[in-house]
PDB file of N, CA and C in Angstrom:
ATOM      1  N   TYR A   1      -8.413  -3.957 -35.644  1.00  0.00           N
ATOM      2  CA  TYR A   1      -9.287  -4.338 -36.750  1.00  0.00           C
ATOM      3  C   TYR A   1      -8.951  -3.704 -38.089  1.00  0.00           C
ATOM      4  N   PRO A   2      -8.318  -2.534 -38.135  1.00  0.00           N
ATOM      5  CA  PRO A   2      -8.017  -1.963 -39.457  1.00  0.00           C
ATOM      6  C   PRO A   2      -7.154  -2.878 -40.330  1.00  0.00           C
ATOM      7  N   ILE A   3      -6.284  -3.638 -39.712  1.00  0.00           N
ATOM      8  CA  ILE A   3      -5.423  -4.552 -40.476  1.00  0.00           C
ATOM      9  C   ILE A   3      -6.274  -5.592 -41.205  1.00  0.00           C
ATOM     10  N   TYR A   4      -7.290  -6.107 -40.539  1.00  0.00           N
ATOM     11  CA  TYR A   4      -8.152  -7.125 -41.155  1.00  0.00           C
ATOM     12  C   TYR A   4      -9.057  -6.517 -42.220  1.00  0.00           C
ATOM     13  N   ALA A   5      -9.548  -5.323 -41.966  1.00  0.00           N
ATOM     14  CA  ALA A   5     -10.355  -4.640 -42.985  1.00  0.00           C
ATOM     15  C   ALA A   5      -9.512  -4.415 -44.238  1.00  0.00           C
ATOM     16  N   GLN A   6      -8.258  -4.011 -44.040  1.00  0.00           N
ATOM     17  CA  GLN A   6      -7.365  -3.784 -45.176  1.00  0.00           C
ATOM     18  C   GLN A   6      -7.155  -5.066 -45.967  1.00  0.00           C
ATOM     19  N   LYS A   7      -6.912  -6.170 -45.291  1.00  0.00           N
ATOM     20  CA  LYS A   7      -6.682  -7.445 -45.982  1.00  0.00           C
ATOM     21  C   LYS A   7      -7.907  -7.853 -46.801  1.00  0.00           C
ATOM     22  N   VAL A   8      -9.076  -7.736 -46.207  1.00  0.00           N
ATOM     23  CA  VAL A   8     -10.306  -8.113 -46.900  1.00  0.00           C
ATOM     24  C   VAL A   8     -10.550  -7.200 -48.102  1.00  0.00           C
ATOM     25  N   CYS A   9     -10.423  -5.899 -47.889  1.00  0.00           N
ATOM     26  CA  CYS A   9     -10.716  -4.947 -48.966  1.00  0.00           C
ATOM     27  C   CYS A   9      -9.705  -5.049 -50.102  1.00  0.00           C
ATOM     28  N   LYS A  10      -8.454  -5.274 -49.789  1.00  0.00           N
ATOM     29  CA  LYS A  10      -7.449  -5.467 -50.846  1.00  0.00           C
ATOM     30  C   LYS A  10      -7.769  -6.719 -51.654  1.00  0.00           C
ATOM     31  N   SER A  11      -8.245  -7.762 -51.004  1.00  0.00           N
ATOM     32  CA  SER A  11      -8.628  -8.988 -51.717  1.00  0.00           C
ATOM     33  C   SER A  11      -9.782  -8.736 -52.672  1.00  0.00           C
ATOM     34  N   VAL A  12     -10.749  -7.928 -52.248  1.00  0.00           N
ATOM     35  CA  VAL A  12     -11.868  -7.580 -53.124  1.00  0.00           C
ATOM     36  C   VAL A  12     -11.360  -6.687 -54.260  1.00  0.00           C
ATOM     37  N   GLN A  13     -10.562  -5.695 -53.938  1.00  0.00           N
ATOM     38  CA  GLN A  13     -10.009  -4.811 -54.975  1.00  0.00           C
ATOM     39  C   GLN A  13      -9.211  -5.586 -56.017  1.00  0.00           C
ATOM     40  N   ASN A  14      -8.418  -6.539 -55.568  1.00  0.00           N
ATOM     41  CA  ASN A  14      -7.560  -7.318 -56.465  1.00  0.00           C
ATOM     42  C   ASN A  14      -8.302  -8.464 -57.151  1.00  0.00           C
ATOM     43  N   LYS A  15      -9.613  -8.540 -56.904  1.00  0.00           N
ATOM     44  CA  LYS A  15     -10.477  -9.557 -57.512  1.00  0.00           C
ATOM     45  C   LYS A  15     -10.079 -10.983 -57.130  1.00  0.00           C
ATOM     46  N   GLU A  16      -9.473 -11.124 -55.946  1.00  0.00           N
ATOM     47  CA  GLU A  16      -9.203 -12.446 -55.390  1.00  0.00           C
ATOM     48  C   GLU A  16     -10.507 -13.061 -54.884  1.00  0.00           C
ATOM     49  N   CYS A  17     -11.476 -12.186 -54.594  1.00  0.00           N
ATOM     50  CA  CYS A  17     -12.818 -12.608 -54.190  1.00  0.00           C
ATOM     51  C   CYS A  17     -13.791 -11.513 -54.624  1.00  0.00           C
ATOM     52  N   GLU A  18     -15.064 -11.859 -54.708  1.00  0.00           N
ATOM     53  CA  GLU A  18     -16.079 -10.889 -55.142  1.00  0.00           C
ATOM     54  C   GLU A  18     -16.599 -10.030 -54.001  1.00  0.00           C
ATOM     55  N   LYS A  19     -16.640 -10.620 -52.800  1.00  0.00           N
ATOM     56  CA  LYS A  19     -17.245  -9.947 -51.656  1.00  0.00           C
ATOM     57  C   LYS A  19     -16.395 -10.187 -50.419  1.00  0.00           C
ATOM     58  N   GLY A  20     -16.580  -9.296 -49.438  1.00  0.00           N
ATOM     59  CA  GLY A  20     -15.867  -9.438 -48.185  1.00  0.00           C
ATOM     60  C   GLY A  20     -16.804  -9.332 -47.002  1.00  0.00           C
ATOM     61  N   ILE A  21     -16.445 -10.023 -45.922  1.00  0.00           N
ATOM     62  CA  ILE A  21     -17.230 -10.008 -44.686  1.00  0.00           C
ATOM     63  C   ILE A  21     -16.312  -9.562 -43.551  1.00  0.00           C
ATOM     64  N   LEU A  22     -16.759  -8.555 -42.823  1.00  0.00           N
ATOM     65  CA  LEU A  22     -16.020  -8.021 -41.687  1.00  0.00           C
ATOM     66  C   LEU A  22     -16.885  -8.095 -40.438  1.00  0.00           C
ATOM     67  N   VAL A  23     -16.255  -8.254 -39.288  1.00  0.00           N
ATOM     68  CA  VAL A  23     -16.973  -8.293 -38.014  1.00  0.00           C
ATOM     69  C   VAL A  23     -16.166  -7.514 -36.987  1.00  0.00           C
ATOM     70  N   CYS A  24     -16.834  -6.626 -36.271  1.00  0.00           N
ATOM     71  CA  CYS A  24     -16.247  -6.001 -35.089  1.00  0.00           C
ATOM     72  C   CYS A  24     -17.389  -5.739 -34.107  1.00  0.00           C
ATOM     73  N   GLY A  25     -17.108  -5.073 -33.020  1.00  0.00           N
ATOM     74  CA  GLY A  25     -18.127  -4.876 -31.990  1.00  0.00           C
ATOM     75  C   GLY A  25     -19.413  -4.264 -32.511  1.00  0.00           C
ATOM     76  N   THR A  26     -19.298  -3.110 -33.165  1.00  0.00           N
ATOM     77  CA  THR A  26     -20.479  -2.435 -33.710  1.00  0.00           C
ATOM     78  C   THR A  26     -20.593  -2.603 -35.221  1.00  0.00           C
ATOM     79  N   GLY A  27     -19.504  -2.995 -35.850  1.00  0.00           N
ATOM     80  CA  GLY A  27     -19.454  -3.040 -37.307  1.00  0.00           C
ATOM     81  C   GLY A  27     -19.054  -1.707 -37.902  1.00  0.00           C
ATOM     82  N   PHE A  28     -19.106  -0.646 -37.109  1.00  0.00           N
ATOM     83  CA  PHE A  28     -18.845   0.693 -37.628  1.00  0.00           C
ATOM     84  C   PHE A  28     -17.363   0.940 -37.921  1.00  0.00           C
ATOM     85  N   GLY A  29     -16.489   0.534 -37.014  1.00  0.00           N
ATOM     86  CA  GLY A  29     -15.058   0.758 -37.225  1.00  0.00           C
ATOM     87  C   GLY A  29     -14.564   0.075 -38.483  1.00  0.00           C
ATOM     88  N   MET A  30     -14.942  -1.186 -38.639  1.00  0.00           N
ATOM     89  CA  MET A  30     -14.561  -1.923 -39.843  1.00  0.00           C
ATOM     90  C   MET A  30     -15.140  -1.250 -41.082  1.00  0.00           C
ATOM     91  N   ASN A  31     -16.371  -0.817 -40.985  1.00  0.00           N
ATOM     92  CA  ASN A  31     -17.050  -0.174 -42.105  1.00  0.00           C
ATOM     93  C   ASN A  31     -16.351   1.123 -42.503  1.00  0.00           C
ATOM     94  N   ILE A  32     -15.993   1.935 -41.535  1.00  0.00           N
ATOM     95  CA  ILE A  32     -15.297   3.189 -41.818  1.00  0.00           C
ATOM     96  C   ILE A  32     -13.982   2.903 -42.537  1.00  0.00           C
ATOM     97  N   CYS A  33     -13.231   1.951 -42.019  1.00  0.00           N
ATOM     98  CA  CYS A  33     -11.955   1.597 -42.638  1.00  0.00           C
ATOM     99  C   CYS A  33     -12.169   1.061 -44.054  1.00  0.00           C
ATOM    100  N   ALA A  34     -13.129   0.179 -44.227  1.00  0.00           N
ATOM    101  CA  ALA A  34     -13.374  -0.433 -45.535  1.00  0.00           C
ATOM    102  C   ALA A  34     -13.699   0.605 -46.593  1.00  0.00           C
ATOM    103  N   ASN A  35     -14.451   1.616 -46.227  1.00  0.00           N
ATOM    104  CA  ASN A  35     -14.869   2.625 -47.199  1.00  0.00           C
ATOM    105  C   ASN A  35     -13.759   3.604 -47.582  1.00  0.00           C
ATOM    106  N   LYS A  36     -12.581   3.410 -47.045  1.00  0.00           N
ATOM    107  CA  LYS A  36     -11.416   4.201 -47.459  1.00  0.00           C
ATOM    108  C   LYS A  36     -10.766   3.629 -48.713  1.00  0.00           C
ATOM    109  N   PHE A  37     -11.193   2.447 -49.132  1.00  0.00           N
ATOM    110  CA  PHE A  37     -10.593   1.767 -50.279  1.00  0.00           C
ATOM    111  C   PHE A  37     -11.432   2.020 -51.527  1.00  0.00           C
ATOM    112  N   GLU A  38     -10.762   2.440 -52.579  1.00  0.00           N
ATOM    113  CA  GLU A  38     -11.444   2.714 -53.839  1.00  0.00           C
ATOM    114  C   GLU A  38     -12.193   1.473 -54.319  1.00  0.00           C
ATOM    115  N   GLY A  39     -13.434   1.685 -54.717  1.00  0.00           N
ATOM    116  CA  GLY A  39     -14.242   0.593 -55.253  1.00  0.00           C
ATOM    117  C   GLY A  39     -14.941  -0.257 -54.213  1.00  0.00           C
ATOM    118  N   ILE A  40     -14.688   0.009 -52.951  1.00  0.00           N
ATOM    119  CA  ILE A  40     -15.352  -0.754 -51.890  1.00  0.00           C
ATOM    120  C   ILE A  40     -16.594   0.004 -51.449  1.00  0.00           C
ATOM    121  N   ARG A  41     -17.689  -0.723 -51.387  1.00  0.00           N
ATOM    122  CA  ARG A  41     -18.945  -0.187 -50.883  1.00  0.00           C
ATOM    123  C   ARG A  41     -19.329  -1.065 -49.697  1.00  0.00           C
ATOM    124  N   SER A  42     -19.115  -0.526 -48.504  1.00  0.00           N
ATOM    125  CA  SER A  42     -19.321  -1.288 -47.273  1.00  0.00           C
ATOM    126  C   SER A  42     -20.406  -0.646 -46.422  1.00  0.00           C
ATOM    127  N   ALA A  43     -21.137  -1.478 -45.695  1.00  0.00           N
ATOM    128  CA  ALA A  43     -22.135  -0.986 -44.742  1.00  0.00           C
ATOM    129  C   ALA A  43     -22.189  -1.935 -43.558  1.00  0.00           C
ATOM    130  N   SER A  44     -22.480  -1.372 -42.413  1.00  0.00           N
ATOM    131  CA  SER A  44     -22.723  -2.174 -41.214  1.00  0.00           C
ATOM    132  C   SER A  44     -24.193  -2.585 -41.234  1.00  0.00           C
ATOM    133  N   CYS A  45     -24.431  -3.883 -41.270  1.00  0.00           N
ATOM    134  CA  CYS A  45     -25.801  -4.402 -41.396  1.00  0.00           C
ATOM    135  C   CYS A  45     -26.165  -5.210 -40.159  1.00  0.00           C
ATOM    136  N   TRP A  46     -27.268  -4.864 -39.519  1.00  0.00           N
ATOM    137  CA  TRP A  46     -27.680  -5.485 -38.278  1.00  0.00           C
ATOM    138  C   TRP A  46     -28.947  -6.323 -38.405  1.00  0.00           C
ATOM    139  N   ASN A  47     -29.556  -6.331 -39.582  1.00  0.00           N
ATOM    140  CA  ASN A  47     -30.689  -7.231 -39.796  1.00  0.00           C
ATOM    141  C   ASN A  47     -30.784  -7.597 -41.276  1.00  0.00           C
ATOM    142  N   GLU A  48     -31.650  -8.538 -41.575  1.00  0.00           N
ATOM    143  CA  GLU A  48     -31.774  -9.066 -42.934  1.00  0.00           C
ATOM    144  C   GLU A  48     -32.243  -8.008 -43.937  1.00  0.00           C
ATOM    145  N   ASP A  49     -33.210  -7.194 -43.542  1.00  0.00           N
ATOM    146  CA  ASP A  49     -33.739  -6.181 -44.459  1.00  0.00           C
ATOM    147  C   ASP A  49     -32.673  -5.165 -44.854  1.00  0.00           C
ATOM    148  N   VAL A  50     -31.906  -4.712 -43.882  1.00  0.00           N
ATOM    149  CA  VAL A  50     -30.840  -3.755 -44.162  1.00  0.00           C
ATOM    150  C   VAL A  50     -29.809  -4.370 -45.101  1.00  0.00           C
ATOM    151  N   ALA A  51     -29.433  -5.607 -44.847  1.00  0.00           N
ATOM    152  CA  ALA A  51     -28.443  -6.294 -45.697  1.00  0.00           C
ATOM    153  C   ALA A  51     -28.958  -6.465 -47.123  1.00  0.00           C
ATOM    154  N   ARG A  52     -30.210  -6.859 -47.263  1.00  0.00           N
ATOM    155  CA  ARG A  52     -30.804  -7.046 -48.594  1.00  0.00           C
ATOM    156  C   ARG A  52     -30.853  -5.727 -49.349  1.00  0.00           C
ATOM    157  N   LEU A  53     -31.330  -4.676 -48.692  1.00  0.00           N
ATOM    158  CA  LEU A  53     -31.432  -3.369 -49.337  1.00  0.00           C
ATOM    159  C   LEU A  53     -30.054  -2.805 -49.681  1.00  0.00           C
ATOM    160  N   PHE A  54     -29.081  -3.076 -48.832  1.00  0.00           N
ATOM    161  CA  PHE A  54     -27.707  -2.634 -49.107  1.00  0.00           C
ATOM    162  C   PHE A  54     -27.220  -3.214 -50.428  1.00  0.00           C
ATOM    163  N   LYS A  55     -27.484  -4.479 -50.667  1.00  0.00           N
ATOM    164  CA  LYS A  55     -27.076  -5.106 -51.929  1.00  0.00           C
ATOM    165  C   LYS A  55     -27.935  -4.611 -53.085  1.00  0.00           C
ATOM    166  N   GLU A  56     -29.257  -4.586 -52.903  1.00  0.00           N
ATOM    167  CA  GLU A  56     -30.164  -4.213 -53.979  1.00  0.00           C
ATOM    168  C   GLU A  56     -29.955  -2.773 -54.447  1.00  0.00           C
ATOM    169  N   HIS A  57     -29.734  -1.850 -53.518  1.00  0.00           N
ATOM    170  CA  HIS A  57     -29.652  -0.436 -53.866  1.00  0.00           C
ATOM    171  C   HIS A  57     -28.230   0.075 -54.068  1.00  0.00           C
ATOM    172  N   ASN A  58     -27.268  -0.506 -53.352  1.00  0.00           N
ATOM    173  CA  ASN A  58     -25.902   0.022 -53.373  1.00  0.00           C
ATOM    174  C   ASN A  58     -24.874  -0.946 -53.939  1.00  0.00           C
ATOM    175  N   ASN A  59     -25.330  -2.131 -54.344  1.00  0.00           N
ATOM    176  CA  ASN A  59     -24.430  -3.156 -54.876  1.00  0.00           C
ATOM    177  C   ASN A  59     -23.234  -3.342 -53.949  1.00  0.00           C
ATOM    178  N   GLY A  60     -23.522  -3.422 -52.652  1.00  0.00           N
ATOM    179  CA  GLY A  60     -22.483  -3.534 -51.637  1.00  0.00           C
ATOM    180  C   GLY A  60     -21.609  -4.759 -51.838  1.00  0.00           C
ATOM    181  N   ASN A  61     -20.298  -4.553 -51.768  1.00  0.00           N
ATOM    182  CA  ASN A  61     -19.380  -5.671 -51.961  1.00  0.00           C
ATOM    183  C   ASN A  61     -18.635  -6.072 -50.688  1.00  0.00           C
ATOM    184  N   VAL A  62     -18.832  -5.329 -49.608  1.00  0.00           N
ATOM    185  CA  VAL A  62     -18.275  -5.692 -48.301  1.00  0.00           C
ATOM    186  C   VAL A  62     -19.343  -5.416 -47.255  1.00  0.00           C
ATOM    187  N   ILE A  63     -19.586  -6.375 -46.403  1.00  0.00           N
ATOM    188  CA  ILE A  63     -20.564  -6.210 -45.327  1.00  0.00           C
ATOM    189  C   ILE A  63     -19.828  -6.271 -43.995  1.00  0.00           C
ATOM    190  N   SER A  64     -20.274  -5.453 -43.080  1.00  0.00           N
ATOM    191  CA  SER A  64     -19.685  -5.405 -41.747  1.00  0.00           C
ATOM    192  C   SER A  64     -20.773  -5.749 -40.739  1.00  0.00           C
ATOM    193  N   LEU A  65     -20.486  -6.715 -39.886  1.00  0.00           N
ATOM    194  CA  LEU A  65     -21.471  -7.178 -38.912  1.00  0.00           C
ATOM    195  C   LEU A  65     -21.122  -6.697 -37.500  1.00  0.00           C
ATOM    196  N   PRO A  66     -22.149  -6.307 -36.716  1.00  0.00           N
ATOM    197  CA  PRO A  66     -21.933  -5.850 -35.345  1.00  0.00           C
ATOM    198  C   PRO A  66     -21.951  -7.022 -34.354  1.00  0.00           C
ATOM    199  N   GLY A  67     -20.795  -7.597 -34.128  1.00  0.00           N
ATOM    200  CA  GLY A  67     -20.684  -8.813 -33.321  1.00  0.00           C
ATOM    201  C   GLY A  67     -21.239  -8.717 -31.908  1.00  0.00           C
ATOM    202  N   ARG A  68     -21.233  -7.540 -31.309  1.00  0.00           N
ATOM    203  CA  ARG A  68     -21.751  -7.385 -29.942  1.00  0.00           C
ATOM    204  C   ARG A  68     -23.276  -7.383 -29.890  1.00  0.00           C
ATOM    205  N   PHE A  69     -23.924  -7.206 -31.033  1.00  0.00           N
ATOM    206  CA  PHE A  69     -25.364  -6.985 -31.027  1.00  0.00           C
ATOM    207  C   PHE A  69     -26.175  -8.052 -31.747  1.00  0.00           C
ATOM    208  N   ILE A  70     -25.498  -9.012 -32.348  1.00  0.00           N
ATOM    209  CA  ILE A  70     -26.204 -10.108 -33.014  1.00  0.00           C
ATOM    210  C   ILE A  70     -25.561 -11.430 -32.601  1.00  0.00           C
ATOM    211  N   ASP A  71     -26.367 -12.485 -32.642  1.00  0.00           N
ATOM    212  CA  ASP A  71     -25.807 -13.805 -32.348  1.00  0.00           C
ATOM    213  C   ASP A  71     -25.493 -14.521 -33.660  1.00  0.00           C
ATOM    214  N   ILE A  72     -24.937 -15.701 -33.559  1.00  0.00           N
ATOM    215  CA  ILE A  72     -24.496 -16.433 -34.758  1.00  0.00           C
ATOM    216  C   ILE A  72     -25.662 -16.729 -35.700  1.00  0.00           C
ATOM    217  N   ASN A  73     -26.825 -17.050 -35.158  1.00  0.00           N
ATOM    218  CA  ASN A  73     -27.987 -17.331 -36.015  1.00  0.00           C
ATOM    219  C   ASN A  73     -28.432 -16.091 -36.776  1.00  0.00           C
ATOM    220  N   GLN A  74     -28.417 -14.946 -36.122  1.00  0.00           N
ATOM    221  CA  GLN A  74     -28.753 -13.691 -36.804  1.00  0.00           C
ATOM    222  C   GLN A  74     -27.710 -13.381 -37.868  1.00  0.00           C
ATOM    223  N   ALA A  75     -26.450 -13.583 -37.534  1.00  0.00           N
ATOM    224  CA  ALA A  75     -25.370 -13.311 -38.502  1.00  0.00           C
ATOM    225  C   ALA A  75     -25.561 -14.143 -39.763  1.00  0.00           C
ATOM    226  N   ILE A  76     -25.892 -15.399 -39.591  1.00  0.00           N
ATOM    227  CA  ILE A  76     -26.102 -16.284 -40.752  1.00  0.00           C
ATOM    228  C   ILE A  76     -27.264 -15.778 -41.598  1.00  0.00           C
ATOM    229  N   LYS A  77     -28.356 -15.396 -40.975  1.00  0.00           N
ATOM    230  CA  LYS A  77     -29.521 -14.890 -41.715  1.00  0.00           C
ATOM    231  C   LYS A  77     -29.200 -13.586 -42.440  1.00  0.00           C
ATOM    232  N   ILE A  78     -28.453 -12.713 -41.790  1.00  0.00           N
ATOM    233  CA  ILE A  78     -28.056 -11.449 -42.412  1.00  0.00           C
ATOM    234  C   ILE A  78     -27.182 -11.729 -43.633  1.00  0.00           C
ATOM    235  N   LEU A  79     -26.210 -12.612 -43.474  1.00  0.00           N
ATOM    236  CA  LEU A  79     -25.313 -12.936 -44.587  1.00  0.00           C
ATOM    237  C   LEU A  79     -26.063 -13.611 -45.727  1.00  0.00           C
ATOM    238  N   GLU A  80     -26.981 -14.509 -45.416  1.00  0.00           N
ATOM    239  CA  GLU A  80     -27.774 -15.156 -46.471  1.00  0.00           C
ATOM    240  C   GLU A  80     -28.596 -14.128 -47.239  1.00  0.00           C
ATOM    241  N   ALA A  81     -29.210 -13.188 -46.517  1.00  0.00           N
ATOM    242  CA  ALA A  81     -30.015 -12.149 -47.183  1.00  0.00           C
ATOM    243  C   ALA A  81     -29.142 -11.320 -48.116  1.00  0.00           C
ATOM    244  N   TRP A  82     -27.959 -10.952 -47.667  1.00  0.00           N
ATOM    245  CA  TRP A  82     -27.045 -10.152 -48.483  1.00  0.00           C
ATOM    246  C   TRP A  82     -26.533 -10.945 -49.683  1.00  0.00           C
ATOM    247  N   LEU A  83     -26.122 -12.180 -49.446  1.00  0.00           N
ATOM    248  CA  LEU A  83     -25.568 -13.003 -50.528  1.00  0.00           C
ATOM    249  C   LEU A  83     -26.616 -13.393 -51.564  1.00  0.00           C
ATOM    250  N   ASP A  84     -27.864 -13.558 -51.139  1.00  0.00           N
ATOM    251  CA  ASP A  84     -28.935 -13.959 -52.057  1.00  0.00           C
ATOM    252  C   ASP A  84     -29.526 -12.778 -52.838  1.00  0.00           C
ATOM    253  N   ALA A  85     -29.323 -11.579 -52.338  1.00  0.00           N
ATOM    254  CA  ALA A  85     -29.903 -10.390 -52.981  1.00  0.00           C
ATOM    255  C   ALA A  85     -29.167 -10.075 -54.285  1.00  0.00           C
ATOM    256  N   GLU A  86     -29.885  -9.435 -55.183  1.00  0.00           N
ATOM    257  CA  GLU A  86     -29.331  -9.010 -56.474  1.00  0.00           C
ATOM    258  C   GLU A  86     -29.394  -7.486 -56.563  1.00  0.00           C
ATOM    259  N   PHE A  87     -28.374  -6.898 -57.159  1.00  0.00           N
ATOM    260  CA  PHE A  87     -28.386  -5.457 -57.415  1.00  0.00           C
ATOM    261  C   PHE A  87     -29.513  -5.147 -58.390  1.00  0.00           C
ATOM    262  N   LEU A  88     -30.341  -4.174 -58.068  1.00  0.00           N
ATOM    263  CA  LEU A  88     -31.514  -3.856 -58.880  1.00  0.00           C
ATOM    264  C   LEU A  88     -31.195  -2.981 -60.086  1.00  0.00           C
ATOM    265  N   SER A  89     -30.043  -2.402 -60.147  1.00  0.00           N
ATOM    266  CA  SER A  89     -29.605  -1.491 -61.206  1.00  0.00           C
ATOM    267  C   SER A  89     -30.640  -0.383 -61.410  1.00  0.00           C
ATOM    268  N   GLY A  90     -31.020  -0.090 -62.633  1.00  0.00           N
ATOM    269  CA  GLY A  90     -31.982   0.986 -62.886  1.00  0.00           C
ATOM    270  C   GLY A  90     -31.509   2.296 -62.305  1.00  0.00           C
ATOM    271  N   ARG A  91     -32.368   2.966 -61.555  1.00  0.00           N
ATOM    272  CA  ARG A  91     -32.042   4.277 -60.975  1.00  0.00           C
ATOM    273  C   ARG A  91     -30.833   4.207 -60.044  1.00  0.00           C
ATOM    274  N   HIS A  92     -30.577   3.030 -59.483  1.00  0.00           N
ATOM    275  CA  HIS A  92     -29.466   2.867 -58.548  1.00  0.00           C
ATOM    276  C   HIS A  92     -28.111   2.926 -59.257  1.00  0.00           C
ATOM    277  N   THR A  93     -28.069   2.552 -60.516  1.00  0.00           N
ATOM    278  CA  THR A  93     -26.824   2.595 -61.281  1.00  0.00           C
ATOM    279  C   THR A  93     -26.328   4.028 -61.407  1.00  0.00           C
ATOM    280  N   GLU A  94     -27.232   4.943 -61.683  1.00  0.00           N
ATOM    281  CA  GLU A  94     -26.850   6.355 -61.804  1.00  0.00           C
ATOM    282  C   GLU A  94     -26.303   6.882 -60.480  1.00  0.00           C
ATOM    283  N   ARG A  95     -26.923   6.498 -59.385  1.00  0.00           N
ATOM    284  CA  ARG A  95     -26.457   6.947 -58.067  1.00  0.00           C
ATOM    285  C   ARG A  95     -25.077   6.386 -57.759  1.00  0.00           C
ATOM    286  N   LEU A  96     -24.861   5.124 -58.098  1.00  0.00           N
ATOM    287  CA  LEU A  96     -23.540   4.534 -57.863  1.00  0.00           C
ATOM    288  C   LEU A  96     -22.479   5.234 -58.705  1.00  0.00           C
ATOM    289  N   GLN A  97     -22.826   5.619 -59.919  1.00  0.00           N
ATOM    290  CA  GLN A  97     -21.879   6.351 -60.760  1.00  0.00           C
ATOM    291  C   GLN A  97     -21.536   7.690 -60.127  1.00  0.00           C
ATOM    292  N   MET A  98     -22.524   8.348 -59.547  1.00  0.00           N
ATOM    293  CA  MET A  98     -22.269   9.612 -58.859  1.00  0.00           C
ATOM    294  C   MET A  98     -21.315   9.399 -57.685  1.00  0.00           C
ATOM    295  N   ILE A  99     -21.513   8.328 -56.936  1.00  0.00           N
ATOM    296  CA  ILE A  99     -20.630   8.005 -55.809  1.00  0.00           C
ATOM    297  C   ILE A  99     -19.218   7.727 -56.306  1.00  0.00           C
ATOM    298  N   GLU A 100     -19.108   6.978 -57.388  1.00  0.00           N
ATOM    299  CA  GLU A 100     -17.785   6.679 -57.948  1.00  0.00           C
ATOM    300  C   GLU A 100     -17.087   7.947 -58.422  1.00  0.00           C
ATOM    301  N   ASN A 101     -17.823   8.884 -58.986  1.00  0.00           N
ATOM    302  CA  ASN A 101     -17.237  10.155 -59.412  1.00  0.00           C
ATOM    303  C   ASN A 101     -16.716  10.950 -58.212  1.00  0.00           C
ATOM    304  N   ILE A 102     -17.475  10.965 -57.138  1.00  0.00           N
ATOM    305  CA  ILE A 102     -17.030  11.627 -55.908  1.00  0.00           C
ATOM    306  C   ILE A 102     -15.773  10.950 -55.370  1.00  0.00           C
ATOM    307  N   GLU A 103     -15.788   9.636 -55.392  1.00  0.00           N
ATOM    308  CA  GLU A 103     -14.643   8.858 -54.937  1.00  0.00           C
ATOM    309  C   GLU A 103     -13.379   9.214 -55.722  1.00  0.00           C
ATOM    310  N   LYS A 104     -13.499   9.282 -57.027  1.00  0.00           N
ATOM    311  CA  LYS A 104     -12.346   9.608 -57.878  1.00  0.00           C
ATOM    312  C   LYS A 104     -11.846  11.025 -57.635  1.00  0.00           C
ATOM    313  N   GLU A 105     -12.763  11.937 -57.374  1.00  0.00           N
ATOM    314  CA  GLU A 105     -12.361  13.334 -57.178  1.00  0.00           C
ATOM    315  C   GLU A 105     -11.723  13.579 -55.812  1.00  0.00           C
ATOM    316  N   PHE A 106     -12.257  12.958 -54.778  1.00  0.00           N
ATOM    317  CA  PHE A 106     -11.842  13.313 -53.426  1.00  0.00           C
ATOM    318  C   PHE A 106     -10.959  12.296 -52.714  1.00  0.00           C
ATOM    319  N   MET A 107     -10.871  11.079 -53.219  1.00  0.00           N
ATOM    320  CA  MET A 107     -10.032  10.068 -52.560  1.00  0.00           C
ATOM    321  C   MET A 107      -8.682   9.995 -53.261  1.00  0.00           C
ATOM    322  N   LYS A 108      -7.863  10.971 -53.010  1.00  0.00           N
ATOM    323  CA  LYS A 108      -6.551  11.041 -53.656  1.00  0.00           C
ATOM    324  C   LYS A 108      -5.468  10.977 -52.623  1.00  0.00           C
TER     325      LYS A 108
END
């Protein structure tokens, strides 16, 4: 799976697409790999609320789904919630800037 996470994340980094979708058994392996790429904010989302909050609070640009634990109908609902959500900015913008600063300092 790391090869696929790399392809998706490079596409997002290179602005070939705005968002990326990853799927593995738990979603965790893909998520760990995705978060190694500068500018990628990935989370493993297992329900609609988590996916919505991930976008609203973290402006997530890559979502990872746990294929062993959700069915296709759940996956569609999770993706719709994430895709329909808007980043709330405000206090969350400052937090994202802090994360980006950490990323620049430690991801070398």
